Amino acid sequence: GITLSALSDFSNYLIPALAISFIAMLWAREFNLFMSGEDQARQLGLNVRMFKAEMMVVASILTSVCVAFVGVIGFVGLVIPHACRMLMGGDHRLIMPASIVLGACLMLFADLVARTVIAPLEIPVGAVTALIGTPVFAYMLIRRGRDYDG
């Protein structure tokens, strides 16, 4: 977990992560266009090739900053945006900020569980997120498979 002595390290990663997240949110309209399909997005004026390249760079940098700060926390970055999409629909103007808030809430809950279930020992928070995320991810895969079957 984060201790008070580690808060100085926190600011080293927080500012770039927030800046890149904010920049990505500025592209919410383009994400919505892209979700309609590449051909339609292109017809509506989106430079699809440039957009994909920009998003790969932004996603890579944001992922690197997040992993450098918190380590590899499985499933959070995969499950939370999809859960938000299931709850809120396909509008990225809502999904992106909701993913940040819901992801933070999940991590706070996982940290609480990791610290208290077998206190004074701690369970690795990655194990707790995997226990939460695996069933949710499996449910989403099964549900998506049913959507494609019929």
C-alpha atoms as a PDB file:
ATOM      1  CA  GLY A   1       0.000   0.000   0.000  1.00  0.00           C
ATOM      2  CA  ILE A   2       0.918   3.657  -0.069  1.00  0.00           C
ATOM      3  CA  THR A   3       2.508   5.084   3.061  1.00  0.00           C
ATOM      4  CA  LEU A   4       2.999   8.722   3.967  1.00  0.00           C
ATOM      5  CA  SER A   5       6.696   8.438   3.176  1.00  0.00           C
ATOM      6  CA  ALA A   6       5.823   7.192  -0.315  1.00  0.00           C
ATOM      7  CA  LEU A   7       3.570  10.160  -1.129  1.00  0.00           C
ATOM      8  CA  SER A   8       6.508  12.069  -2.605  1.00  0.00           C
ATOM      9  CA  ASP A   9       6.833   9.307  -5.223  1.00  0.00           C
ATOM     10  CA  PHE A  10       3.101   9.575  -5.866  1.00  0.00           C
ATOM     11  CA  SER A  11       3.360  13.082  -7.331  1.00  0.00           C
ATOM     12  CA  ASN A  12       6.050  11.917  -9.765  1.00  0.00           C
ATOM     13  CA  TYR A  13       3.476   9.732 -11.522  1.00  0.00           C
ATOM     14  CA  LEU A  14       0.185  11.446 -10.713  1.00  0.00           C
ATOM     15  CA  ILE A  15       0.718  14.582 -12.780  1.00  0.00           C
ATOM     16  CA  PRO A  16       1.678  12.757 -16.012  1.00  0.00           C
ATOM     17  CA  ALA A  17      -1.109  10.187 -15.551  1.00  0.00           C
ATOM     18  CA  LEU A  18      -3.738  12.873 -14.979  1.00  0.00           C
ATOM     19  CA  ALA A  19      -2.455  14.955 -17.885  1.00  0.00           C
ATOM     20  CA  ILE A  20      -2.540  12.027 -20.297  1.00  0.00           C
ATOM     21  CA  SER A  21      -5.979  10.938 -19.019  1.00  0.00           C
ATOM     22  CA  PHE A  22      -7.325  14.449 -19.565  1.00  0.00           C
ATOM     23  CA  ILE A  23      -5.869  14.548 -23.073  1.00  0.00           C
ATOM     24  CA  ALA A  24      -7.480  11.177 -23.839  1.00  0.00           C
ATOM     25  CA  MET A  25     -10.850  12.497 -22.623  1.00  0.00           C
ATOM     26  CA  LEU A  26     -10.587  15.326 -25.138  1.00  0.00           C
ATOM     27  CA  TRP A  27     -10.885  12.621 -27.816  1.00  0.00           C
ATOM     28  CA  ALA A  28     -14.223  11.281 -26.501  1.00  0.00           C
ATOM     29  CA  ARG A  29     -16.061  12.450 -29.654  1.00  0.00           C
ATOM     30  CA  GLU A  30     -13.532  10.683 -31.859  1.00  0.00           C
ATOM     31  CA  PHE A  31     -13.877   7.504 -29.772  1.00  0.00           C
ATOM     32  CA  ASN A  32     -17.635   7.639 -30.313  1.00  0.00           C
ATOM     33  CA  LEU A  33     -17.107   8.033 -34.079  1.00  0.00           C
ATOM     34  CA  PHE A  34     -14.606   5.173 -34.097  1.00  0.00           C
ATOM     35  CA  MET A  35     -17.055   2.877 -32.281  1.00  0.00           C
ATOM     36  CA  SER A  36     -19.438   3.208 -35.239  1.00  0.00           C
ATOM     37  CA  GLY A  37     -16.894   1.424 -37.428  1.00  0.00           C
ATOM     38  CA  GLU A  38     -13.825   2.552 -39.335  1.00  0.00           C
ATOM     39  CA  ASP A  39     -15.622   3.174 -42.623  1.00  0.00           C
ATOM     40  CA  GLN A  40     -18.364   5.273 -41.079  1.00  0.00           C
ATOM     41  CA  ALA A  41     -15.880   7.182 -38.905  1.00  0.00           C
ATOM     42  CA  ARG A  42     -13.814   7.923 -42.005  1.00  0.00           C
ATOM     43  CA  GLN A  43     -16.930   9.149 -43.832  1.00  0.00           C
ATOM     44  CA  LEU A  44     -17.735  11.430 -40.899  1.00  0.00           C
ATOM     45  CA  GLY A  45     -14.309  13.058 -41.195  1.00  0.00           C
ATOM     46  CA  LEU A  46     -12.125  11.099 -38.779  1.00  0.00           C
ATOM     47  CA  ASN A  47      -8.592  10.366 -39.948  1.00  0.00           C
ATOM     48  CA  VAL A  48      -8.745   6.759 -38.749  1.00  0.00           C
ATOM     49  CA  ARG A  49      -5.083   5.904 -39.354  1.00  0.00           C
ATOM     50  CA  MET A  50      -3.881   8.979 -37.418  1.00  0.00           C
ATOM     51  CA  PHE A  51      -6.419   8.416 -34.640  1.00  0.00           C
ATOM     52  CA  LYS A  52      -5.316   4.805 -34.154  1.00  0.00           C
ATOM     53  CA  ALA A  53      -1.646   5.827 -34.055  1.00  0.00           C
ATOM     54  CA  GLU A  54      -2.316   8.622 -31.553  1.00  0.00           C
ATOM     55  CA  MET A  55      -4.364   6.327 -29.320  1.00  0.00           C
ATOM     56  CA  MET A  56      -1.660   3.655 -29.353  1.00  0.00           C
ATOM     57  CA  VAL A  57       0.894   6.217 -28.172  1.00  0.00           C
ATOM     58  CA  VAL A  58      -1.402   7.693 -25.505  1.00  0.00           C
ATOM     59  CA  ALA A  59      -2.494   4.246 -24.268  1.00  0.00           C
ATOM     60  CA  SER A  60       1.119   3.039 -24.119  1.00  0.00           C
ATOM     61  CA  ILE A  61       2.310   6.058 -22.151  1.00  0.00           C
ATOM     62  CA  LEU A  62      -0.645   5.989 -19.772  1.00  0.00           C
ATOM     63  CA  THR A  63      -0.259   2.258 -19.185  1.00  0.00           C
ATOM     64  CA  SER A  64       3.478   2.652 -18.564  1.00  0.00           C
ATOM     65  CA  VAL A  65       2.951   5.439 -16.031  1.00  0.00           C
ATOM     66  CA  CYS A  66       0.231   3.502 -14.212  1.00  0.00           C
ATOM     67  CA  VAL A  67       2.212   0.262 -14.082  1.00  0.00           C
ATOM     68  CA  ALA A  68       5.316   2.139 -12.921  1.00  0.00           C
ATOM     69  CA  PHE A  69       3.342   3.540 -10.004  1.00  0.00           C
ATOM     70  CA  VAL A  70       1.090   0.691  -8.861  1.00  0.00           C
ATOM     71  CA  GLY A  71       2.656  -2.367 -10.432  1.00  0.00           C
ATOM     72  CA  VAL A  72       0.752  -4.927 -12.408  1.00  0.00           C
ATOM     73  CA  ILE A  73      -2.767  -5.031 -10.970  1.00  0.00           C
ATOM     74  CA  GLY A  74      -4.533  -7.595 -13.100  1.00  0.00           C
ATOM     75  CA  PHE A  75      -7.965  -7.101 -14.587  1.00  0.00           C
ATOM     76  CA  VAL A  76      -8.675  -3.561 -13.346  1.00  0.00           C
ATOM     77  CA  GLY A  77      -7.836  -1.884 -16.633  1.00  0.00           C
ATOM     78  CA  LEU A  78      -9.652  -4.599 -18.560  1.00  0.00           C
ATOM     79  CA  VAL A  79     -12.771  -5.179 -16.497  1.00  0.00           C
ATOM     80  CA  ILE A  80     -13.667  -1.678 -15.290  1.00  0.00           C
ATOM     81  CA  PRO A  81     -14.101   0.051 -18.685  1.00  0.00           C
ATOM     82  CA  HIS A  82     -16.222  -2.855 -19.925  1.00  0.00           C
ATOM     83  CA  ALA A  83     -18.311  -2.838 -16.750  1.00  0.00           C
ATOM     84  CA  CYS A  84     -18.850   0.903 -17.191  1.00  0.00           C
ATOM     85  CA  ARG A  85     -19.887   0.333 -20.803  1.00  0.00           C
ATOM     86  CA  MET A  86     -22.398  -2.302 -19.664  1.00  0.00           C
ATOM     87  CA  LEU A  87     -23.806   0.073 -17.036  1.00  0.00           C
ATOM     88  CA  MET A  88     -23.739   3.358 -18.966  1.00  0.00           C
ATOM     89  CA  GLY A  89     -23.928   2.587 -22.669  1.00  0.00           C
ATOM     90  CA  GLY A  90     -21.414   3.441 -25.351  1.00  0.00           C
ATOM     91  CA  ASP A  91     -20.794   7.180 -24.844  1.00  0.00           C
ATOM     92  CA  HIS A  92     -17.097   7.643 -24.085  1.00  0.00           C
ATOM     93  CA  ARG A  93     -17.788  11.064 -22.560  1.00  0.00           C
ATOM     94  CA  LEU A  94     -19.375   9.093 -19.701  1.00  0.00           C
ATOM     95  CA  ILE A  95     -17.346   5.883 -19.819  1.00  0.00           C
ATOM     96  CA  MET A  96     -13.908   7.506 -19.471  1.00  0.00           C
ATOM     97  CA  PRO A  97     -14.501   9.489 -16.252  1.00  0.00           C
ATOM     98  CA  ALA A  98     -16.692   6.713 -14.826  1.00  0.00           C
ATOM     99  CA  SER A  99     -13.895   4.187 -15.441  1.00  0.00           C
ATOM    100  CA  ILE A 100     -11.491   6.352 -13.464  1.00  0.00           C
ATOM    101  CA  VAL A 101     -13.891   6.668 -10.517  1.00  0.00           C
ATOM    102  CA  LEU A 102     -15.029   3.027 -10.558  1.00  0.00           C
ATOM    103  CA  GLY A 103     -11.436   1.800 -10.945  1.00  0.00           C
ATOM    104  CA  ALA A 104     -10.349   3.909  -7.970  1.00  0.00           C
ATOM    105  CA  CYS A 105     -13.259   2.581  -5.895  1.00  0.00           C
ATOM    106  CA  LEU A 106     -12.398  -1.004  -6.827  1.00  0.00           C
ATOM    107  CA  MET A 107      -8.763  -0.484  -5.853  1.00  0.00           C
ATOM    108  CA  LEU A 108      -9.751   1.100  -2.523  1.00  0.00           C
ATOM    109  CA  PHE A 109     -12.065  -1.842  -1.820  1.00  0.00           C
ATOM    110  CA  ALA A 110      -9.393  -4.372  -2.840  1.00  0.00           C
ATOM    111  CA  ASP A 111      -6.822  -2.632  -0.620  1.00  0.00           C
ATOM    112  CA  LEU A 112      -9.256  -2.642   2.311  1.00  0.00           C
ATOM    113  CA  VAL A 113      -9.922  -6.360   1.849  1.00  0.00           C
ATOM    114  CA  ALA A 114      -6.211  -7.122   1.435  1.00  0.00           C
ATOM    115  CA  ARG A 115      -5.351  -5.356   4.689  1.00  0.00           C
ATOM    116  CA  THR A 116      -8.223  -6.559   6.882  1.00  0.00           C
ATOM    117  CA  VAL A 117      -9.289 -10.102   5.947  1.00  0.00           C
ATOM    118  CA  ILE A 118      -6.416 -11.846   7.747  1.00  0.00           C
ATOM    119  CA  ALA A 119      -5.013  -8.922   9.756  1.00  0.00           C
ATOM    120  CA  PRO A 120      -2.264  -8.366  10.841  1.00  0.00           C
ATOM    121  CA  LEU A 121      -1.077 -10.130   7.677  1.00  0.00           C
ATOM    122  CA  GLU A 122      -1.768  -8.614   4.274  1.00  0.00           C
ATOM    123  CA  ILE A 123      -2.889 -10.369   1.112  1.00  0.00           C
ATOM    124  CA  PRO A 124      -1.297  -8.979  -2.067  1.00  0.00           C
ATOM    125  CA  VAL A 125      -3.774  -6.514  -3.575  1.00  0.00           C
ATOM    126  CA  GLY A 126      -3.191  -8.075  -7.000  1.00  0.00           C
ATOM    127  CA  ALA A 127      -4.566 -11.359  -5.655  1.00  0.00           C
ATOM    128  CA  VAL A 128      -7.694  -9.608  -4.387  1.00  0.00           C
ATOM    129  CA  THR A 129      -8.265  -7.827  -7.705  1.00  0.00           C
ATOM    130  CA  ALA A 130      -7.799 -11.143  -9.519  1.00  0.00           C
ATOM    131  CA  LEU A 131     -10.383 -12.789  -7.235  1.00  0.00           C
ATOM    132  CA  ILE A 132     -12.821  -9.979  -8.000  1.00  0.00           C
ATOM    133  CA  GLY A 133     -11.936  -9.525 -11.659  1.00  0.00           C
ATOM    134  CA  THR A 134     -11.774 -13.131 -12.842  1.00  0.00           C
ATOM    135  CA  PRO A 135     -15.461 -13.972 -12.289  1.00  0.00           C
ATOM    136  CA  VAL A 136     -16.555 -10.611 -13.710  1.00  0.00           C
ATOM    137  CA  PHE A 137     -14.337 -11.072 -16.756  1.00  0.00           C
ATOM    138  CA  ALA A 138     -15.615 -14.640 -17.244  1.00  0.00           C
ATOM    139  CA  TYR A 139     -19.212 -13.385 -17.024  1.00  0.00           C
ATOM    140  CA  MET A 140     -18.506 -10.725 -19.646  1.00  0.00           C
ATOM    141  CA  LEU A 141     -16.909 -13.282 -21.981  1.00  0.00           C
ATOM    142  CA  ILE A 142     -19.849 -15.669 -21.596  1.00  0.00           C
ATOM    143  CA  ARG A 143     -22.348 -12.858 -22.113  1.00  0.00           C
ATOM    144  CA  ARG A 144     -20.530 -11.575 -25.181  1.00  0.00           C
ATOM    145  CA  GLY A 145     -20.405 -15.116 -26.586  1.00  0.00           C
ATOM    146  CA  ARG A 146     -24.170 -15.403 -26.188  1.00  0.00           C
ATOM    147  CA  ASP A 147     -24.616 -12.048 -27.948  1.00  0.00           C
ATOM    148  CA  TYR A 148     -22.686 -13.389 -30.949  1.00  0.00           C
ATOM    149  CA  ASP A 149     -24.461 -16.770 -30.997  1.00  0.00           C
ATOM    150  CA  GLY A 150     -27.903 -15.444 -31.649  1.00  0.00           C
END
